[in-house]
PDB file of N, CA and C in Angstrom:
ATOM      1  N   MET A   1       3.009  32.000 -74.755  1.00  0.00           N
ATOM      2  CA  MET A   1       2.537  33.112 -74.094  1.00  0.00           C
ATOM      3  C   MET A   1       3.724  33.685 -73.558  1.00  0.00           C
ATOM      4  N   HIS A   2       4.359  34.886 -74.223  1.00  0.00           N
ATOM      5  CA  HIS A   2       5.445  35.954 -73.741  1.00  0.00           C
ATOM      6  C   HIS A   2       5.205  36.387 -72.410  1.00  0.00           C
ATOM      7  N   GLU A   3       4.125  36.184 -71.829  1.00  0.00           N
ATOM      8  CA  GLU A   3       4.244  36.785 -70.589  1.00  0.00           C
ATOM      9  C   GLU A   3       4.724  36.090 -69.354  1.00  0.00           C
ATOM     10  N   THR A   4       4.942  34.851 -69.822  1.00  0.00           N
ATOM     11  CA  THR A   4       5.861  34.044 -68.980  1.00  0.00           C
ATOM     12  C   THR A   4       7.010  34.294 -68.903  1.00  0.00           C
ATOM     13  N   SER A   5       7.585  34.532 -70.100  1.00  0.00           N
ATOM     14  CA  SER A   5       9.109  34.991 -70.143  1.00  0.00           C
ATOM     15  C   SER A   5       9.271  36.131 -69.326  1.00  0.00           C
ATOM     16  N   ILE A   6       8.288  37.229 -69.421  1.00  0.00           N
ATOM     17  CA  ILE A   6       8.362  38.091 -69.036  1.00  0.00           C
ATOM     18  C   ILE A   6       8.368  38.264 -67.608  1.00  0.00           C
ATOM     19  N   VAL A   7       7.445  37.245 -66.904  1.00  0.00           N
ATOM     20  CA  VAL A   7       7.700  37.182 -65.383  1.00  0.00           C
ATOM     21  C   VAL A   7       9.063  36.540 -65.190  1.00  0.00           C
ATOM     22  N   ASN A   8       9.731  35.680 -65.683  1.00  0.00           N
ATOM     23  CA  ASN A   8      10.714  35.125 -65.521  1.00  0.00           C
ATOM     24  C   ASN A   8      11.752  36.223 -65.374  1.00  0.00           C
ATOM     25  N   SER A   9      11.892  36.974 -66.426  1.00  0.00           N
ATOM     26  CA  SER A   9      12.851  38.083 -66.658  1.00  0.00           C
ATOM     27  C   SER A   9      12.832  38.987 -65.295  1.00  0.00           C
ATOM     28  N   ILE A  10      11.721  39.387 -65.035  1.00  0.00           N
ATOM     29  CA  ILE A  10      11.335  40.295 -63.688  1.00  0.00           C
ATOM     30  C   ILE A  10      12.029  39.358 -62.552  1.00  0.00           C
ATOM     31  N   MET A  11      11.665  38.324 -62.320  1.00  0.00           N
ATOM     32  CA  MET A  11      12.386  37.610 -61.313  1.00  0.00           C
ATOM     33  C   MET A  11      13.905  37.234 -61.271  1.00  0.00           C
ATOM     34  N   ARG A  12      14.585  37.149 -62.321  1.00  0.00           N
ATOM     35  CA  ARG A  12      15.985  37.247 -62.701  1.00  0.00           C
ATOM     36  C   ARG A  12      16.436  38.344 -62.367  1.00  0.00           C
ATOM     37  N   THR A  13      15.881  39.504 -62.863  1.00  0.00           N
ATOM     38  CA  THR A  13      16.173  41.315 -62.664  1.00  0.00           C
ATOM     39  C   THR A  13      16.343  41.152 -61.068  1.00  0.00           C
ATOM     40  N   LEU A  14      15.040  40.991 -60.165  1.00  0.00           N
ATOM     41  CA  LEU A  14      15.181  41.143 -58.778  1.00  0.00           C
ATOM     42  C   LEU A  14      16.360  40.483 -58.040  1.00  0.00           C
ATOM     43  N   GLU A  15      16.244  39.001 -58.819  1.00  0.00           N
ATOM     44  CA  GLU A  15      17.547  38.021 -57.825  1.00  0.00           C
ATOM     45  C   GLU A  15      18.996  38.645 -58.252  1.00  0.00           C
ATOM     46  N   GLN A  16      19.148  39.353 -59.092  1.00  0.00           N
ATOM     47  CA  GLN A  16      20.339  39.927 -59.592  1.00  0.00           C
ATOM     48  C   GLN A  16      20.743  41.294 -58.545  1.00  0.00           C
ATOM     49  N   GLU A  17      19.514  42.008 -58.394  1.00  0.00           N
ATOM     50  CA  GLU A  17      19.652  43.180 -57.828  1.00  0.00           C
ATOM     51  C   GLU A  17      19.619  43.204 -56.220  1.00  0.00           C
ATOM     52  N   PHE A  18      19.036  42.095 -55.642  1.00  0.00           N
ATOM     53  CA  PHE A  18      18.945  41.887 -54.400  1.00  0.00           C
ATOM     54  C   PHE A  18      19.286  40.645 -53.636  1.00  0.00           C
ATOM     55  N   GLU A  19      20.059  40.689 -52.541  1.00  0.00           N
ATOM     56  CA  GLU A  19      20.473  39.460 -51.609  1.00  0.00           C
ATOM     57  C   GLU A  19      19.007  38.825 -51.214  1.00  0.00           C
ATOM     58  N   ALA A  20      19.428  37.234 -51.168  1.00  0.00           N
ATOM     59  CA  ALA A  20      18.513  36.473 -50.992  1.00  0.00           C
ATOM     60  C   ALA A  20      17.788  36.941 -49.234  1.00  0.00           C
ATOM     61  N   GLU A  21      18.290  37.254 -48.475  1.00  0.00           N
ATOM     62  CA  GLU A  21      17.923  37.934 -47.210  1.00  0.00           C
ATOM     63  C   GLU A  21      16.780  38.939 -47.479  1.00  0.00           C
ATOM     64  N   LYS A  22      17.196  40.045 -48.355  1.00  0.00           N
ATOM     65  CA  LYS A  22      16.078  40.948 -48.868  1.00  0.00           C
ATOM     66  C   LYS A  22      14.987  40.690 -49.524  1.00  0.00           C
ATOM     67  N   LEU A  23      15.275  39.657 -50.767  1.00  0.00           N
ATOM     68  CA  LEU A  23      14.356  39.270 -51.219  1.00  0.00           C
ATOM     69  C   LEU A  23      13.314  38.285 -50.539  1.00  0.00           C
ATOM     70  N   ASN A  24      13.729  37.685 -49.429  1.00  0.00           N
ATOM     71  CA  ASN A  24      12.506  36.932 -48.297  1.00  0.00           C
ATOM     72  C   ASN A  24      11.766  37.902 -47.761  1.00  0.00           C
ATOM     73  N   LYS A  25      12.128  39.432 -47.578  1.00  0.00           N
ATOM     74  CA  LYS A  25      11.213  40.340 -47.192  1.00  0.00           C
ATOM     75  C   LYS A  25      10.482  41.205 -48.182  1.00  0.00           C
ATOM     76  N   MET A  26      10.555  40.561 -49.460  1.00  0.00           N
ATOM     77  CA  MET A  26       9.902  41.447 -50.497  1.00  0.00           C
ATOM     78  C   MET A  26       8.454  41.140 -50.149  1.00  0.00           C
ATOM     79  N   LYS A  27       7.542  42.382 -50.286  1.00  0.00           N
ATOM     80  CA  LYS A  27       6.008  41.897 -50.556  1.00  0.00           C
ATOM     81  C   LYS A  27       5.225  42.507 -51.556  1.00  0.00           C
ATOM     82  N   ALA A  28       5.814  43.405 -52.210  1.00  0.00           N
ATOM     83  CA  ALA A  28       5.188  43.760 -53.733  1.00  0.00           C
ATOM     84  C   ALA A  28       5.909  43.991 -54.810  1.00  0.00           C
ATOM     85  N   ILE A  29       5.708  43.774 -55.803  1.00  0.00           N
ATOM     86  CA  ILE A  29       6.330  44.351 -57.084  1.00  0.00           C
ATOM     87  C   ILE A  29       5.386  45.407 -57.678  1.00  0.00           C
ATOM     88  N   HIS A  30       6.021  46.318 -58.026  1.00  0.00           N
ATOM     89  CA  HIS A  30       5.044  47.526 -58.918  1.00  0.00           C
ATOM     90  C   HIS A  30       5.637  47.416 -60.170  1.00  0.00           C
ATOM     91  N   LEU A  31       4.856  47.424 -61.104  1.00  0.00           N
ATOM     92  CA  LEU A  31       5.397  47.260 -62.677  1.00  0.00           C
ATOM     93  C   LEU A  31       4.512  48.766 -63.062  1.00  0.00           C
ATOM     94  N   LYS A  32       5.143  49.257 -64.072  1.00  0.00           N
ATOM     95  CA  LYS A  32       4.474  50.215 -65.116  1.00  0.00           C
ATOM     96  C   LYS A  32       4.468  49.630 -66.313  1.00  0.00           C
ATOM     97  N   VAL A  33       3.402  49.791 -67.230  1.00  0.00           N
ATOM     98  CA  VAL A  33       3.278  48.806 -68.429  1.00  0.00           C
ATOM     99  C   VAL A  33       2.508  50.053 -69.249  1.00  0.00           C
ATOM    100  N   GLY A  34       3.019  50.248 -70.367  1.00  0.00           N
ATOM    101  CA  GLY A  34       2.879  51.123 -71.397  1.00  0.00           C
ATOM    102  C   GLY A  34       1.443  50.581 -72.253  1.00  0.00           C
ATOM    103  N   ILE A  35       0.701  51.189 -72.723  1.00  0.00           N
ATOM    104  CA  ILE A  35      -0.568  50.461 -73.556  1.00  0.00           C
ATOM    105  C   ILE A  35       0.022  50.036 -74.915  1.00  0.00           C
ATOM    106  N   LEU A  36       1.057  50.450 -75.190  1.00  0.00           N
ATOM    107  CA  LEU A  36       1.774  49.925 -76.559  1.00  0.00           C
ATOM    108  C   LEU A  36       2.794  48.873 -76.485  1.00  0.00           C
ATOM    109  N   SER A  37       2.795  48.204 -75.447  1.00  0.00           N
ATOM    110  CA  SER A  37       3.770  47.211 -74.886  1.00  0.00           C
ATOM    111  C   SER A  37       3.673  46.016 -75.391  1.00  0.00           C
ATOM    112  N   ASN A  38       2.484  45.626 -75.663  1.00  0.00           N
ATOM    113  CA  ASN A  38       1.853  44.537 -76.151  1.00  0.00           C
ATOM    114  C   ASN A  38       1.989  43.563 -75.018  1.00  0.00           C
ATOM    115  N   ILE A  39       1.556  43.894 -73.819  1.00  0.00           N
ATOM    116  CA  ILE A  39       1.669  43.097 -72.550  1.00  0.00           C
ATOM    117  C   ILE A  39       0.083  43.262 -72.284  1.00  0.00           C
ATOM    118  N   GLU A  40      -0.211  42.257 -72.167  1.00  0.00           N
ATOM    119  CA  GLU A  40      -1.662  42.123 -71.337  1.00  0.00           C
ATOM    120  C   GLU A  40      -1.759  41.885 -69.885  1.00  0.00           C
ATOM    121  N   PRO A  41      -2.246  42.960 -68.948  1.00  0.00           N
ATOM    122  CA  PRO A  41      -2.104  42.678 -67.878  1.00  0.00           C
ATOM    123  C   PRO A  41      -2.445  41.389 -67.012  1.00  0.00           C
ATOM    124  N   ARG A  42      -3.721  40.751 -67.570  1.00  0.00           N
ATOM    125  CA  ARG A  42      -4.601  39.817 -67.104  1.00  0.00           C
ATOM    126  C   ARG A  42      -3.652  38.469 -67.253  1.00  0.00           C
ATOM    127  N   LEU A  43      -3.011  38.305 -68.360  1.00  0.00           N
ATOM    128  CA  LEU A  43      -2.180  37.398 -68.676  1.00  0.00           C
ATOM    129  C   LEU A  43      -0.816  37.458 -68.166  1.00  0.00           C
ATOM    130  N   LEU A  44      -0.484  38.562 -67.843  1.00  0.00           N
ATOM    131  CA  LEU A  44       0.622  38.816 -66.944  1.00  0.00           C
ATOM    132  C   LEU A  44       0.606  38.331 -65.472  1.00  0.00           C
ATOM    133  N   TYR A  45      -0.554  38.554 -64.770  1.00  0.00           N
ATOM    134  CA  TYR A  45      -1.011  38.295 -63.696  1.00  0.00           C
ATOM    135  C   TYR A  45      -1.229  36.785 -63.492  1.00  0.00           C
ATOM    136  N   ASN A  46      -1.549  36.178 -64.370  1.00  0.00           N
ATOM    137  CA  ASN A  46      -1.863  34.800 -64.560  1.00  0.00           C
ATOM    138  C   ASN A  46      -0.639  34.025 -64.457  1.00  0.00           C
ATOM    139  N   ALA A  47       0.527  34.725 -65.505  1.00  0.00           N
ATOM    140  CA  ALA A  47       1.662  34.210 -65.745  1.00  0.00           C
ATOM    141  C   ALA A  47       2.292  34.171 -64.333  1.00  0.00           C
ATOM    142  N   TYR A  48       2.242  35.490 -63.492  1.00  0.00           N
ATOM    143  CA  TYR A  48       3.042  35.324 -62.269  1.00  0.00           C
ATOM    144  C   TYR A  48       2.406  34.484 -61.285  1.00  0.00           C
ATOM    145  N   GLU A  49       1.142  34.174 -61.085  1.00  0.00           N
ATOM    146  CA  GLU A  49       0.630  33.534 -60.158  1.00  0.00           C
ATOM    147  C   GLU A  49       1.195  32.038 -60.536  1.00  0.00           C
ATOM    148  N   ALA A  50       1.221  31.524 -61.752  1.00  0.00           N
ATOM    149  CA  ALA A  50       1.979  30.241 -62.077  1.00  0.00           C
ATOM    150  C   ALA A  50       3.288  30.162 -61.864  1.00  0.00           C
ATOM    151  N   SER A  51       4.045  31.208 -61.644  1.00  0.00           N
ATOM    152  CA  SER A  51       5.364  31.158 -61.285  1.00  0.00           C
ATOM    153  C   SER A  51       5.606  31.269 -59.984  1.00  0.00           C
ATOM    154  N   GLN A  52       4.458  31.636 -59.136  1.00  0.00           N
ATOM    155  CA  GLN A  52       4.607  31.764 -57.757  1.00  0.00           C
ATOM    156  C   GLN A  52       4.686  30.042 -57.028  1.00  0.00           C
ATOM    157  N   MET A  53       3.897  29.476 -57.917  1.00  0.00           N
ATOM    158  CA  MET A  53       3.817  27.991 -57.294  1.00  0.00           C
ATOM    159  C   MET A  53       5.217  27.350 -57.680  1.00  0.00           C
ATOM    160  N   MET A  54       6.296  27.784 -58.722  1.00  0.00           N
ATOM    161  CA  MET A  54       7.475  27.275 -58.843  1.00  0.00           C
ATOM    162  C   MET A  54       8.376  27.826 -57.792  1.00  0.00           C
ATOM    163  N   SER A  55       8.130  29.020 -57.619  1.00  0.00           N
ATOM    164  CA  SER A  55       9.157  29.871 -56.662  1.00  0.00           C
ATOM    165  C   SER A  55       8.648  30.146 -55.341  1.00  0.00           C
ATOM    166  N   PRO A  56       8.989  29.748 -54.338  1.00  0.00           N
ATOM    167  CA  PRO A  56       8.221  29.523 -52.752  1.00  0.00           C
ATOM    168  C   PRO A  56       8.670  30.798 -52.425  1.00  0.00           C
ATOM    169  N   GLN A  57       9.596  31.620 -52.771  1.00  0.00           N
ATOM    170  CA  GLN A  57      10.205  32.719 -52.125  1.00  0.00           C
ATOM    171  C   GLN A  57       9.081  33.905 -52.804  1.00  0.00           C
ATOM    172  N   TYR A  58       8.285  33.820 -53.821  1.00  0.00           N
ATOM    173  CA  TYR A  58       7.719  34.700 -54.284  1.00  0.00           C
ATOM    174  C   TYR A  58       6.027  34.239 -53.864  1.00  0.00           C
ATOM    175  N   HIS A  59       5.726  33.434 -52.930  1.00  0.00           N
ATOM    176  CA  HIS A  59       4.454  33.092 -52.666  1.00  0.00           C
ATOM    177  C   HIS A  59       3.527  34.435 -51.866  1.00  0.00           C
ATOM    178  N   HIS A  60       4.447  35.131 -51.103  1.00  0.00           N
ATOM    179  CA  HIS A  60       3.756  36.232 -50.385  1.00  0.00           C
ATOM    180  C   HIS A  60       3.772  37.294 -51.231  1.00  0.00           C
ATOM    181  N   VAL A  61       4.534  37.589 -52.073  1.00  0.00           N
ATOM    182  CA  VAL A  61       4.793  38.619 -53.170  1.00  0.00           C
ATOM    183  C   VAL A  61       3.754  39.057 -53.705  1.00  0.00           C
ATOM    184  N   GLN A  62       3.174  40.317 -53.762  1.00  0.00           N
ATOM    185  CA  GLN A  62       1.999  40.390 -54.820  1.00  0.00           C
ATOM    186  C   GLN A  62       2.511  41.075 -56.071  1.00  0.00           C
ATOM    187  N   LEU A  63       1.744  40.990 -57.015  1.00  0.00           N
ATOM    188  CA  LEU A  63       2.342  41.806 -58.155  1.00  0.00           C
ATOM    189  C   LEU A  63       1.287  42.980 -58.735  1.00  0.00           C
ATOM    190  N   LYS A  64       1.723  44.144 -58.998  1.00  0.00           N
ATOM    191  CA  LYS A  64       0.722  45.398 -59.003  1.00  0.00           C
ATOM    192  C   LYS A  64       1.237  46.059 -60.323  1.00  0.00           C
ATOM    193  N   ILE A  65       0.472  45.943 -61.170  1.00  0.00           N
ATOM    194  CA  ILE A  65       0.630  46.717 -62.323  1.00  0.00           C
ATOM    195  C   ILE A  65      -0.116  47.928 -62.560  1.00  0.00           C
ATOM    196  N   GLU A  66       0.559  48.711 -62.958  1.00  0.00           N
ATOM    197  CA  GLU A  66      -0.070  50.296 -63.480  1.00  0.00           C
ATOM    198  C   GLU A  66       0.042  50.412 -64.992  1.00  0.00           C
ATOM    199  N   MET A  67      -1.213  50.659 -65.625  1.00  0.00           N
ATOM    200  CA  MET A  67      -0.821  50.921 -67.085  1.00  0.00           C
ATOM    201  C   MET A  67      -0.556  52.418 -67.154  1.00  0.00           C
ATOM    202  N   THR A  68       0.147  52.428 -68.348  1.00  0.00           N
ATOM    203  CA  THR A  68       0.467  54.155 -68.214  1.00  0.00           C
ATOM    204  C   THR A  68      -0.063  54.850 -69.683  1.00  0.00           C
ATOM    205  N   ASP A  69      -0.381  55.863 -69.633  1.00  0.00           N
ATOM    206  CA  ASP A  69      -0.956  56.655 -70.778  1.00  0.00           C
ATOM    207  C   ASP A  69      -0.085  56.595 -72.108  1.00  0.00           C
ATOM    208  N   LEU A  70      -0.678  56.807 -73.184  1.00  0.00           N
ATOM    209  CA  LEU A  70       0.080  57.177 -74.385  1.00  0.00           C
ATOM    210  C   LEU A  70       0.431  58.407 -74.591  1.00  0.00           C
ATOM    211  N   LYS A  71       1.906  58.920 -74.625  1.00  0.00           N
ATOM    212  CA  LYS A  71       2.213  60.244 -74.788  1.00  0.00           C
ATOM    213  C   LYS A  71       2.984  60.517 -76.127  1.00  0.00           C
ATOM    214  N   ILE A  72       2.943  61.631 -76.803  1.00  0.00           N
ATOM    215  CA  ILE A  72       3.825  61.953 -77.906  1.00  0.00           C
ATOM    216  C   ILE A  72       4.493  63.238 -77.457  1.00  0.00           C
ATOM    217  N   GLN A  73       5.518  63.623 -78.075  1.00  0.00           N
ATOM    218  CA  GLN A  73       6.148  64.914 -78.083  1.00  0.00           C
ATOM    219  C   GLN A  73       6.319  65.344 -79.402  1.00  0.00           C
ATOM    220  N   CYS A  74       5.632  66.383 -79.584  1.00  0.00           N
ATOM    221  CA  CYS A  74       5.981  67.271 -81.258  1.00  0.00           C
ATOM    222  C   CYS A  74       7.106  67.363 -81.866  1.00  0.00           C
ATOM    223  N   GLU A  75       7.487  66.965 -82.702  1.00  0.00           N
ATOM    224  CA  GLU A  75       8.756  67.186 -83.220  1.00  0.00           C
ATOM    225  C   GLU A  75       8.827  68.893 -83.943  1.00  0.00           C
ATOM    226  N   VAL A  76       7.593  69.455 -84.157  1.00  0.00           N
ATOM    227  CA  VAL A  76       7.639  70.764 -84.386  1.00  0.00           C
ATOM    228  C   VAL A  76       7.422  71.846 -83.415  1.00  0.00           C
ATOM    229  N   CYS A  77       6.843  71.987 -82.236  1.00  0.00           N
ATOM    230  CA  CYS A  77       6.354  72.625 -81.514  1.00  0.00           C
ATOM    231  C   CYS A  77       6.784  72.096 -80.156  1.00  0.00           C
ATOM    232  N   ASN A  78       7.452  70.929 -79.897  1.00  0.00           N
ATOM    233  CA  ASN A  78       7.804  70.216 -78.559  1.00  0.00           C
ATOM    234  C   ASN A  78       6.730  70.273 -77.658  1.00  0.00           C
ATOM    235  N   HIS A  79       5.514  70.427 -78.011  1.00  0.00           N
ATOM    236  CA  HIS A  79       4.353  70.030 -77.054  1.00  0.00           C
ATOM    237  C   HIS A  79       4.109  68.507 -76.906  1.00  0.00           C
ATOM    238  N   ILE A  80       3.952  68.083 -75.540  1.00  0.00           N
ATOM    239  CA  ILE A  80       3.642  67.089 -75.139  1.00  0.00           C
ATOM    240  C   ILE A  80       2.000  66.581 -74.846  1.00  0.00           C
ATOM    241  N   THR A  81       1.575  65.717 -76.056  1.00  0.00           N
ATOM    242  CA  THR A  81       0.308  65.584 -75.940  1.00  0.00           C
ATOM    243  C   THR A  81      -0.342  64.164 -75.472  1.00  0.00           C
ATOM    244  N   ASP A  82      -1.383  63.800 -74.746  1.00  0.00           N
ATOM    245  CA  ASP A  82      -1.945  62.605 -74.360  1.00  0.00           C
ATOM    246  C   ASP A  82      -2.704  62.192 -75.784  1.00  0.00           C
ATOM    247  N   VAL A  83      -2.457  60.742 -75.875  1.00  0.00           N
ATOM    248  CA  VAL A  83      -2.902  60.513 -77.348  1.00  0.00           C
ATOM    249  C   VAL A  83      -4.179  59.574 -76.789  1.00  0.00           C
ATOM    250  N   LYS A  84      -5.257  59.986 -77.537  1.00  0.00           N
ATOM    251  CA  LYS A  84      -6.696  59.272 -77.699  1.00  0.00           C
ATOM    252  C   LYS A  84      -6.850  58.557 -78.784  1.00  0.00           C
ATOM    253  N   ASN A  85      -7.659  57.536 -78.598  1.00  0.00           N
ATOM    254  CA  ASN A  85      -8.049  56.822 -79.604  1.00  0.00           C
ATOM    255  C   ASN A  85      -6.893  56.520 -80.875  1.00  0.00           C
ATOM    256  N   TYR A  86      -6.053  56.480 -80.289  1.00  0.00           N
ATOM    257  CA  TYR A  86      -4.557  56.485 -81.380  1.00  0.00           C
ATOM    258  C   TYR A  86      -4.527  57.280 -82.432  1.00  0.00           C
ATOM    259  N   ARG A  87      -4.779  58.592 -81.989  1.00  0.00           N
ATOM    260  CA  ARG A  87      -4.788  59.953 -82.756  1.00  0.00           C
ATOM    261  C   ARG A  87      -3.536  60.434 -82.524  1.00  0.00           C
ATOM    262  N   PHE A  88      -2.195  60.216 -83.287  1.00  0.00           N
ATOM    263  CA  PHE A  88      -0.739  60.819 -82.923  1.00  0.00           C
ATOM    264  C   PHE A  88      -0.877  62.171 -83.528  1.00  0.00           C
ATOM    265  N   ILE A  89      -1.948  62.940 -83.040  1.00  0.00           N
ATOM    266  CA  ILE A  89      -1.586  64.443 -83.649  1.00  0.00           C
ATOM    267  C   ILE A  89      -1.259  65.421 -82.187  1.00  0.00           C
ATOM    268  N   CYS A  90      -0.741  66.356 -82.462  1.00  0.00           N
ATOM    269  CA  CYS A  90      -0.234  67.245 -81.462  1.00  0.00           C
ATOM    270  C   CYS A  90      -1.622  68.148 -81.254  1.00  0.00           C
ATOM    271  N   ASP A  91      -1.844  68.290 -79.971  1.00  0.00           N
ATOM    272  CA  ASP A  91      -3.066  69.202 -79.322  1.00  0.00           C
ATOM    273  C   ASP A  91      -2.567  70.623 -79.573  1.00  0.00           C
ATOM    274  N   ASN A  92      -1.477  70.931 -79.873  1.00  0.00           N
ATOM    275  CA  ASN A  92      -1.024  72.583 -79.796  1.00  0.00           C
ATOM    276  C   ASN A  92      -1.094  72.756 -81.510  1.00  0.00           C
ATOM    277  N   CYS A  93      -0.169  72.358 -81.943  1.00  0.00           N
ATOM    278  CA  CYS A  93      -0.245  72.507 -83.663  1.00  0.00           C
ATOM    279  C   CYS A  93      -0.895  71.663 -84.452  1.00  0.00           C
ATOM    280  N   GLU A  94      -1.706  70.418 -83.768  1.00  0.00           N
ATOM    281  CA  GLU A  94      -2.439  69.752 -84.868  1.00  0.00           C
ATOM    282  C   GLU A  94      -1.249  69.213 -85.938  1.00  0.00           C
ATOM    283  N   ARG A  95      -0.377  68.861 -85.966  1.00  0.00           N
ATOM    284  CA  ARG A  95       0.519  67.976 -87.040  1.00  0.00           C
ATOM    285  C   ARG A  95       0.632  66.607 -86.198  1.00  0.00           C
ATOM    286  N   PRO A  96       0.614  65.663 -87.246  1.00  0.00           N
ATOM    287  CA  PRO A  96       0.731  64.421 -86.586  1.00  0.00           C
ATOM    288  C   PRO A  96       2.226  64.289 -85.953  1.00  0.00           C
ATOM    289  N   SER A  97       2.460  63.333 -85.392  1.00  0.00           N
ATOM    290  CA  SER A  97       3.979  63.033 -84.476  1.00  0.00           C
ATOM    291  C   SER A  97       3.973  61.232 -84.512  1.00  0.00           C
ATOM    292  N   LYS A  98       5.083  61.101 -84.412  1.00  0.00           N
ATOM    293  CA  LYS A  98       5.307  59.481 -84.184  1.00  0.00           C
ATOM    294  C   LYS A  98       6.584  59.436 -82.930  1.00  0.00           C
ATOM    295  N   ASN A  99       6.658  60.687 -82.342  1.00  0.00           N
ATOM    296  CA  ASN A  99       7.516  60.665 -81.291  1.00  0.00           C
ATOM    297  C   ASN A  99       7.049  60.100 -79.942  1.00  0.00           C
ATOM    298  N   VAL A 100       6.912  58.687 -79.683  1.00  0.00           N
ATOM    299  CA  VAL A 100       6.177  58.499 -78.566  1.00  0.00           C
ATOM    300  C   VAL A 100       7.425  58.494 -77.295  1.00  0.00           C
ATOM    301  N   ILE A 101       6.857  59.603 -76.042  1.00  0.00           N
ATOM    302  CA  ILE A 101       7.733  59.556 -75.135  1.00  0.00           C
ATOM    303  C   ILE A 101       7.291  58.606 -73.920  1.00  0.00           C
ATOM    304  N   GLN A 102       5.994  58.086 -73.893  1.00  0.00           N
ATOM    305  CA  GLN A 102       5.561  57.083 -73.065  1.00  0.00           C
ATOM    306  C   GLN A 102       4.297  56.159 -73.432  1.00  0.00           C
ATOM    307  N   GLY A 103       4.472  55.076 -73.011  1.00  0.00           N
ATOM    308  CA  GLY A 103       3.302  54.153 -73.646  1.00  0.00           C
ATOM    309  C   GLY A 103       3.998  53.034 -74.103  1.00  0.00           C
ATOM    310  N   GLU A 104       5.255  52.854 -74.375  1.00  0.00           N
ATOM    311  CA  GLU A 104       5.813  51.744 -74.912  1.00  0.00           C
ATOM    312  C   GLU A 104       6.416  50.541 -73.725  1.00  0.00           C
ATOM    313  N   GLU A 105       6.618  51.089 -72.587  1.00  0.00           N
ATOM    314  CA  GLU A 105       7.481  50.848 -71.647  1.00  0.00           C
ATOM    315  C   GLU A 105       6.697  49.600 -70.747  1.00  0.00           C
ATOM    316  N   MET A 106       7.847  48.564 -70.264  1.00  0.00           N
ATOM    317  CA  MET A 106       7.502  47.616 -69.097  1.00  0.00           C
ATOM    318  C   MET A 106       8.721  47.914 -68.224  1.00  0.00           C
ATOM    319  N   LEU A 107       8.313  48.564 -67.042  1.00  0.00           N
ATOM    320  CA  LEU A 107       9.466  48.760 -65.893  1.00  0.00           C
ATOM    321  C   LEU A 107       9.090  48.277 -64.612  1.00  0.00           C
ATOM    322  N   ILE A 108       9.903  47.830 -64.013  1.00  0.00           N
ATOM    323  CA  ILE A 108      10.026  47.376 -62.547  1.00  0.00           C
ATOM    324  C   ILE A 108       9.938  48.949 -61.531  1.00  0.00           C
ATOM    325  N   HIS A 109       8.750  49.269 -61.282  1.00  0.00           N
ATOM    326  CA  HIS A 109       8.783  51.108 -60.782  1.00  0.00           C
ATOM    327  C   HIS A 109       9.321  50.899 -59.750  1.00  0.00           C
ATOM    328  N   LYS A 110       9.027  50.052 -58.608  1.00  0.00           N
ATOM    329  CA  LYS A 110       9.220  49.883 -57.172  1.00  0.00           C
ATOM    330  C   LYS A 110       9.307  48.643 -56.728  1.00  0.00           C
ATOM    331  N   VAL A 111       9.983  48.330 -55.530  1.00  0.00           N
ATOM    332  CA  VAL A 111       9.725  46.792 -54.872  1.00  0.00           C
ATOM    333  C   VAL A 111       9.829  47.404 -53.475  1.00  0.00           C
ATOM    334  N   GLU A 112       8.663  46.789 -52.960  1.00  0.00           N
ATOM    335  CA  GLU A 112       8.071  46.914 -51.242  1.00  0.00           C
ATOM    336  C   GLU A 112       8.940  46.013 -50.704  1.00  0.00           C
ATOM    337  N   PHE A 113       9.258  46.209 -49.336  1.00  0.00           N
ATOM    338  CA  PHE A 113       9.895  45.252 -48.286  1.00  0.00           C
ATOM    339  C   PHE A 113       9.143  45.347 -47.257  1.00  0.00           C
ATOM    340  N   ASP A 114       9.122  44.377 -46.610  1.00  0.00           N
ATOM    341  CA  ASP A 114       8.708  44.386 -45.059  1.00  0.00           C
ATOM    342  C   ASP A 114       9.964  45.046 -44.154  1.00  0.00           C
ATOM    343  N   ASP A 115       9.754  45.835 -43.229  1.00  0.00           N
ATOM    344  CA  ASP A 115      10.616  46.360 -42.249  1.00  0.00           C
ATOM    345  C   ASP A 115      11.526  45.332 -41.601  1.00  0.00           C
TER     346      ASP A 115
END
């Protein structure tokens, strides 16, 4: 399950970015996950819960996942289109486009701390 390695990577990133004192005040981790990222939110939540048992500093920290829409930008007319039903067709000029500008990402979008 690659979600476990993703959770481990998120924790490593946070531990590199913040001092231990700050990490102890963390209350939520907000992720943005694209529909094409090959990440299943339910499995990511499960992996996070399992990892919380092994890392006491994360017991009180919530994981919040926001799925991002799939968007393309047309190479011909530069129009940005929300992709529906995996139809990579520009809304403006109706030409196919493979220029994905949103929907493949997995980002730590925001980290919340207690004051």
